PDB file of N, CA and C in Angstrom:
ATOM      1  N   MET A   1     148.687 113.884  98.526  1.00  0.00           N
ATOM      2  CA  MET A   1     148.564 112.445  98.592  1.00  0.00           C
ATOM      3  C   MET A   1     148.312 111.849  97.204  1.00  0.00           C
ATOM      4  N   LEU A   2     147.566 112.592  96.376  1.00  0.00           N
ATOM      5  CA  LEU A   2     147.236 112.101  95.051  1.00  0.00           C
ATOM      6  C   LEU A   2     148.492 111.872  94.210  1.00  0.00           C
ATOM      7  N   PHE A   3     149.429 112.802  94.268  1.00  0.00           N
ATOM      8  CA  PHE A   3     150.652 112.663  93.479  1.00  0.00           C
ATOM      9  C   PHE A   3     151.546 111.553  94.026  1.00  0.00           C
ATOM     10  N   VAL A   4     151.542 111.377  95.333  1.00  0.00           N
ATOM     11  CA  VAL A   4     152.326 110.298  95.936  1.00  0.00           C
ATOM     12  C   VAL A   4     151.802 108.956  95.447  1.00  0.00           C
ATOM     13  N   GLN A   5     150.481 108.778  95.481  1.00  0.00           N
ATOM     14  CA  GLN A   5     149.886 107.522  95.017  1.00  0.00           C
ATOM     15  C   GLN A   5     150.147 107.298  93.529  1.00  0.00           C
ATOM     16  N   ALA A   6     150.013 108.351  92.741  1.00  0.00           N
ATOM     17  CA  ALA A   6     150.247 108.227  91.303  1.00  0.00           C
ATOM     18  C   ALA A   6     151.707 107.885  91.019  1.00  0.00           C
ATOM     19  N   THR A   7     152.624 108.495  91.751  1.00  0.00           N
ATOM     20  CA  THR A   7     154.042 108.215  91.562  1.00  0.00           C
ATOM     21  C   THR A   7     154.367 106.779  91.957  1.00  0.00           C
ATOM     22  N   GLU A   8     153.785 106.305  93.039  1.00  0.00           N
ATOM     23  CA  GLU A   8     154.002 104.911  93.451  1.00  0.00           C
ATOM     24  C   GLU A   8     153.449 103.948  92.401  1.00  0.00           C
ATOM     25  N   PHE A   9     152.287 104.274  91.834  1.00  0.00           N
ATOM     26  CA  PHE A   9     151.699 103.431  90.789  1.00  0.00           C
ATOM     27  C   PHE A   9     152.601 103.402  89.556  1.00  0.00           C
ATOM     28  N   VAL A  10     153.078 104.569  89.146  1.00  0.00           N
ATOM     29  CA  VAL A  10     153.947 104.652  87.969  1.00  0.00           C
ATOM     30  C   VAL A  10     155.269 103.940  88.230  1.00  0.00           C
ATOM     31  N   ALA A  11     155.768 104.010  89.448  1.00  0.00           N
ATOM     32  CA  ALA A  11     157.016 103.314  89.773  1.00  0.00           C
ATOM     33  C   ALA A  11     156.862 101.803  89.599  1.00  0.00           C
ATOM     34  N   ARG A  12     155.676 101.285  89.928  1.00  0.00           N
ATOM     35  CA  ARG A  12     155.414  99.852  89.754  1.00  0.00           C
ATOM     36  C   ARG A  12     155.063  99.497  88.302  1.00  0.00           C
ATOM     37  N   ASN A  13     154.503 100.465  87.568  1.00  0.00           N
ATOM     38  CA  ASN A  13     154.034 100.240  86.192  1.00  0.00           C
ATOM     39  C   ASN A  13     154.522 101.369  85.285  1.00  0.00           C
ATOM     40  N   PRO A  14     155.809 101.488  85.066  1.00  0.00           N
ATOM     41  CA  PRO A  14     156.348 102.659  84.368  1.00  0.00           C
ATOM     42  C   PRO A  14     155.888 102.802  82.918  1.00  0.00           C
ATOM     43  N   ASN A  15     155.493 101.745  82.278  1.00  0.00           N
ATOM     44  CA  ASN A  15     155.057 101.843  80.890  1.00  0.00           C
ATOM     45  C   ASN A  15     153.601 102.272  80.754  1.00  0.00           C
ATOM     46  N   THR A  16     152.943 102.539  81.878  1.00  0.00           N
ATOM     47  CA  THR A  16     151.535 102.908  81.849  1.00  0.00           C
ATOM     48  C   THR A  16     151.290 104.306  81.287  1.00  0.00           C
ATOM     49  N   GLY A  17     152.249 105.188  81.415  1.00  0.00           N
ATOM     50  CA  GLY A  17     152.081 106.558  80.927  1.00  0.00           C
ATOM     51  C   GLY A  17     152.081 106.631  79.409  1.00  0.00           C
ATOM     52  N   GLN A  18     151.513 107.718  78.907  1.00  0.00           N
ATOM     53  CA  GLN A  18     151.475 107.934  77.464  1.00  0.00           C
ATOM     54  C   GLN A  18     152.869 108.269  76.949  1.00  0.00           C
ATOM     55  N   LYS A  19     153.195 107.709  75.801  1.00  0.00           N
ATOM     56  CA  LYS A  19     154.482 108.001  75.175  1.00  0.00           C
ATOM     57  C   LYS A  19     154.488 109.434  74.668  1.00  0.00           C
ATOM     58  N   THR A  20     155.677 110.007  74.623  1.00  0.00           N
ATOM     59  CA  THR A  20     155.861 111.344  74.055  1.00  0.00           C
ATOM     60  C   THR A  20     156.783 111.221  72.848  1.00  0.00           C
ATOM     61  N   THR A  21     157.122 112.347  72.273  1.00  0.00           N
ATOM     62  CA  THR A  21     158.042 112.327  71.140  1.00  0.00           C
ATOM     63  C   THR A  21     159.442 111.905  71.561  1.00  0.00           C
ATOM     64  N   ARG A  22     159.731 112.042  72.850  1.00  0.00           N
ATOM     65  CA  ARG A  22     161.010 111.569  73.392  1.00  0.00           C
ATOM     66  C   ARG A  22     160.782 110.188  73.967  1.00  0.00           C
ATOM     67  N   LYS A  23     161.442 109.204  73.417  1.00  0.00           N
ATOM     68  CA  LYS A  23     161.236 107.795  73.761  1.00  0.00           C
ATOM     69  C   LYS A  23     161.264 107.516  75.259  1.00  0.00           C
ATOM     70  N   GLU A  24     162.143 108.185  75.986  1.00  0.00           N
ATOM     71  CA  GLU A  24     162.337 107.876  77.398  1.00  0.00           C
ATOM     72  C   GLU A  24     161.391 108.641  78.327  1.00  0.00           C
ATOM     73  N   ILE A  25     160.626 109.588  77.794  1.00  0.00           N
ATOM     74  CA  ILE A  25     159.741 110.403  78.629  1.00  0.00           C
ATOM     75  C   ILE A  25     158.288 109.984  78.416  1.00  0.00           C
ATOM     76  N   ARG A  26     157.559 109.848  79.529  1.00  0.00           N
ATOM     77  CA  ARG A  26     156.141 109.479  79.478  1.00  0.00           C
ATOM     78  C   ARG A  26     155.331 110.445  80.327  1.00  0.00           C
ATOM     79  N   VAL A  27     154.028 110.456  80.084  1.00  0.00           N
ATOM     80  CA  VAL A  27     153.119 111.349  80.793  1.00  0.00           C
ATOM     81  C   VAL A  27     151.957 110.531  81.350  1.00  0.00           C
ATOM     82  N   LYS A  28     151.692 110.694  82.640  1.00  0.00           N
ATOM     83  CA  LYS A  28     150.550 110.056  83.295  1.00  0.00           C
ATOM     84  C   LYS A  28     149.588 111.165  83.720  1.00  0.00           C
ATOM     85  N   LEU A  29     148.352 111.128  83.217  1.00  0.00           N
ATOM     86  CA  LEU A  29     147.367 112.140  83.568  1.00  0.00           C
ATOM     87  C   LEU A  29     146.734 111.812  84.910  1.00  0.00           C
ATOM     88  N   ILE A  30     146.623 112.853  85.754  1.00  0.00           N
ATOM     89  CA  ILE A  30     146.033 112.738  87.093  1.00  0.00           C
ATOM     90  C   ILE A  30     145.076 113.921  87.240  1.00  0.00           C
ATOM     91  N   GLY A  31     143.827 113.710  86.937  1.00  0.00           N
ATOM     92  CA  GLY A  31     142.867 114.816  86.985  1.00  0.00           C
ATOM     93  C   GLY A  31     143.273 115.912  86.016  1.00  0.00           C
ATOM     94  N   HIS A  32     143.450 117.123  86.527  1.00  0.00           N
ATOM     95  CA  HIS A  32     143.867 118.262  85.700  1.00  0.00           C
ATOM     96  C   HIS A  32     145.391 118.388  85.612  1.00  0.00           C
ATOM     97  N   TYR A  33     146.105 117.381  86.029  1.00  0.00           N
ATOM     98  CA  TYR A  33     147.557 117.451  86.068  1.00  0.00           C
ATOM     99  C   TYR A  33     148.185 116.339  85.236  1.00  0.00           C
ATOM    100  N   ALA A  34     149.392 116.604  84.792  1.00  0.00           N
ATOM    101  CA  ALA A  34     150.172 115.611  84.058  1.00  0.00           C
ATOM    102  C   ALA A  34     151.461 115.374  84.834  1.00  0.00           C
ATOM    103  N   LEU A  35     151.713 114.121  85.156  1.00  0.00           N
ATOM    104  CA  LEU A  35     152.955 113.717  85.808  1.00  0.00           C
ATOM    105  C   LEU A  35     153.907 113.315  84.689  1.00  0.00           C
ATOM    106  N   ILE A  36     154.955 114.076  84.505  1.00  0.00           N
ATOM    107  CA  ILE A  36     155.905 113.848  83.421  1.00  0.00           C
ATOM    108  C   ILE A  36     157.140 113.196  84.014  1.00  0.00           C
ATOM    109  N   TYR A  37     157.512 112.048  83.471  1.00  0.00           N
ATOM    110  CA  TYR A  37     158.584 111.269  84.083  1.00  0.00           C
ATOM    111  C   TYR A  37     159.376 110.492  83.045  1.00  0.00           C
ATOM    112  N   GLU A  38     160.529 110.038  83.481  1.00  0.00           N
ATOM    113  CA  GLU A  38     161.322 109.084  82.715  1.00  0.00           C
ATOM    114  C   GLU A  38     161.807 108.018  83.682  1.00  0.00           C
ATOM    115  N   PHE A  39     162.211 106.896  83.145  1.00  0.00           N
ATOM    116  CA  PHE A  39     162.627 105.794  84.013  1.00  0.00           C
ATOM    117  C   PHE A  39     163.684 104.951  83.317  1.00  0.00           C
ATOM    118  N   ASN A  40     164.391 104.205  84.161  1.00  0.00           N
ATOM    119  CA  ASN A  40     165.313 103.196  83.659  1.00  0.00           C
ATOM    120  C   ASN A  40     165.083 101.934  84.482  1.00  0.00           C
ATOM    121  N   ASP A  41     165.975 100.990  84.411  1.00  0.00           N
ATOM    122  CA  ASP A  41     165.782  99.724  85.124  1.00  0.00           C
ATOM    123  C   ASP A  41     165.744  99.873  86.644  1.00  0.00           C
ATOM    124  N   LYS A  42     166.352 100.935  87.163  1.00  0.00           N
ATOM    125  CA  LYS A  42     166.481 101.074  88.605  1.00  0.00           C
ATOM    126  C   LYS A  42     165.727 102.248  89.206  1.00  0.00           C
ATOM    127  N   SER A  43     165.428 103.276  88.404  1.00  0.00           N
ATOM    128  CA  SER A  43     164.904 104.516  88.977  1.00  0.00           C
ATOM    129  C   SER A  43     163.783 105.122  88.145  1.00  0.00           C
ATOM    130  N   LEU A  44     162.962 105.905  88.832  1.00  0.00           N
ATOM    131  CA  LEU A  44     161.930 106.713  88.205  1.00  0.00           C
ATOM    132  C   LEU A  44     162.265 108.163  88.518  1.00  0.00           C
ATOM    133  N   PHE A  45     162.263 109.017  87.514  1.00  0.00           N
ATOM    134  CA  PHE A  45     162.594 110.427  87.689  1.00  0.00           C
ATOM    135  C   PHE A  45     161.376 111.260  87.312  1.00  0.00           C
ATOM    136  N   VAL A  46     160.804 111.969  88.281  1.00  0.00           N
ATOM    137  CA  VAL A  46     159.699 112.873  87.995  1.00  0.00           C
ATOM    138  C   VAL A  46     160.311 114.167  87.477  1.00  0.00           C
ATOM    139  N   LEU A  47     159.996 114.504  86.232  1.00  0.00           N
ATOM    140  CA  LEU A  47     160.553 115.695  85.605  1.00  0.00           C
ATOM    141  C   LEU A  47     159.715 116.932  85.876  1.00  0.00           C
ATOM    142  N   ALA A  48     158.383 116.735  85.956  1.00  0.00           N
ATOM    143  CA  ALA A  48     157.498 117.873  86.196  1.00  0.00           C
ATOM    144  C   ALA A  48     156.105 117.378  86.542  1.00  0.00           C
ATOM    145  N   ILE A  49     155.378 118.229  87.238  1.00  0.00           N
ATOM    146  CA  ILE A  49     153.942 118.062  87.417  1.00  0.00           C
ATOM    147  C   ILE A  49     153.333 119.301  86.783  1.00  0.00           C
ATOM    148  N   PHE A  50     152.512 119.086  85.757  1.00  0.00           N
ATOM    149  CA  PHE A  50     152.018 120.190  84.934  1.00  0.00           C
ATOM    150  C   PHE A  50     150.503 120.308  85.062  1.00  0.00           C
ATOM    151  N   ASP A  51     150.019 121.511  85.330  1.00  0.00           N
ATOM    152  CA  ASP A  51     148.583 121.781  85.362  1.00  0.00           C
ATOM    153  C   ASP A  51     148.105 121.891  83.917  1.00  0.00           C
ATOM    154  N   THR A  52     147.302 120.935  83.479  1.00  0.00           N
ATOM    155  CA  THR A  52     146.903 120.868  82.069  1.00  0.00           C
ATOM    156  C   THR A  52     145.929 121.971  81.665  1.00  0.00           C
ATOM    157  N   ARG A  53     145.504 122.793  82.595  1.00  0.00           N
ATOM    158  CA  ARG A  53     144.647 123.934  82.263  1.00  0.00           C
ATOM    159  C   ARG A  53     145.471 125.110  81.765  1.00  0.00           C
ATOM    160  N   GLN A  54     146.793 124.984  81.818  1.00  0.00           N
ATOM    161  CA  GLN A  54     147.685 126.019  81.295  1.00  0.00           C
ATOM    162  C   GLN A  54     147.811 125.882  79.784  1.00  0.00           C
ATOM    163  N   ASN A  55     148.547 126.804  79.202  1.00  0.00           N
ATOM    164  CA  ASN A  55     148.810 126.775  77.770  1.00  0.00           C
ATOM    165  C   ASN A  55     149.563 125.485  77.428  1.00  0.00           C
ATOM    166  N   PRO A  56     149.024 124.648  76.526  1.00  0.00           N
ATOM    167  CA  PRO A  56     149.684 123.372  76.204  1.00  0.00           C
ATOM    168  C   PRO A  56     151.069 123.531  75.598  1.00  0.00           C
ATOM    169  N   LYS A  57     151.389 124.701  75.077  1.00  0.00           N
ATOM    170  CA  LYS A  57     152.724 124.923  74.524  1.00  0.00           C
ATOM    171  C   LYS A  57     153.787 124.807  75.608  1.00  0.00           C
ATOM    172  N   LYS A  58     153.433 125.149  76.847  1.00  0.00           N
ATOM    173  CA  LYS A  58     154.374 124.995  77.959  1.00  0.00           C
ATOM    174  C   LYS A  58     154.704 123.523  78.182  1.00  0.00           C
ATOM    175  N   LEU A  59     153.690 122.667  78.080  1.00  0.00           N
ATOM    176  CA  LEU A  59     153.903 121.237  78.259  1.00  0.00           C
ATOM    177  C   LEU A  59     154.800 120.690  77.160  1.00  0.00           C
ATOM    178  N   VAL A  60     154.558 121.097  75.931  1.00  0.00           N
ATOM    179  CA  VAL A  60     155.381 120.646  74.816  1.00  0.00           C
ATOM    180  C   VAL A  60     156.835 121.043  75.059  1.00  0.00           C
ATOM    181  N   LYS A  61     157.044 122.237  75.557  1.00  0.00           N
ATOM    182  CA  LYS A  61     158.408 122.695  75.839  1.00  0.00           C
ATOM    183  C   LYS A  61     159.064 121.834  76.911  1.00  0.00           C
ATOM    184  N   ILE A  62     158.321 121.491  77.963  1.00  0.00           N
ATOM    185  CA  ILE A  62     158.872 120.644  79.025  1.00  0.00           C
ATOM    186  C   ILE A  62     159.244 119.275  78.492  1.00  0.00           C
ATOM    187  N   VAL A  63     158.391 118.708  77.670  1.00  0.00           N
ATOM    188  CA  VAL A  63     158.593 117.341  77.186  1.00  0.00           C
ATOM    189  C   VAL A  63     159.684 117.270  76.117  1.00  0.00           C
ATOM    190  N   THR A  64     159.819 118.304  75.296  1.00  0.00           N
ATOM    191  CA  THR A  64     160.782 118.222  74.203  1.00  0.00           C
ATOM    192  C   THR A  64     162.166 118.732  74.567  1.00  0.00           C
ATOM    193  N   GLU A  65     162.265 119.548  75.595  1.00  0.00           N
ATOM    194  CA  GLU A  65     163.587 120.045  76.015  1.00  0.00           C
ATOM    195  C   GLU A  65     164.043 119.286  77.242  1.00  0.00           C
ATOM    196  N   LYS A  66     165.325 119.246  77.406  1.00  0.00           N
ATOM    197  CA  LYS A  66     165.873 118.586  78.598  1.00  0.00           C
ATOM    198  C   LYS A  66     167.087 119.327  79.049  1.00  0.00           C
TER     199      LYS A  66
END
């Protein structure tokens, strides 16, 4: 339920997430998790849900590669 609520919030407020090195990708922190997403005028795309207790290098790889 937590991720559903966070995704609905981000869908209404897509610029709320933290910017990444990739202009179109943002990260919204939800407790120990990061909701990684991109959006355009019509859609929100959840790219990953990442447990931030893992090695942060994995997150960098997710955000910088596509």
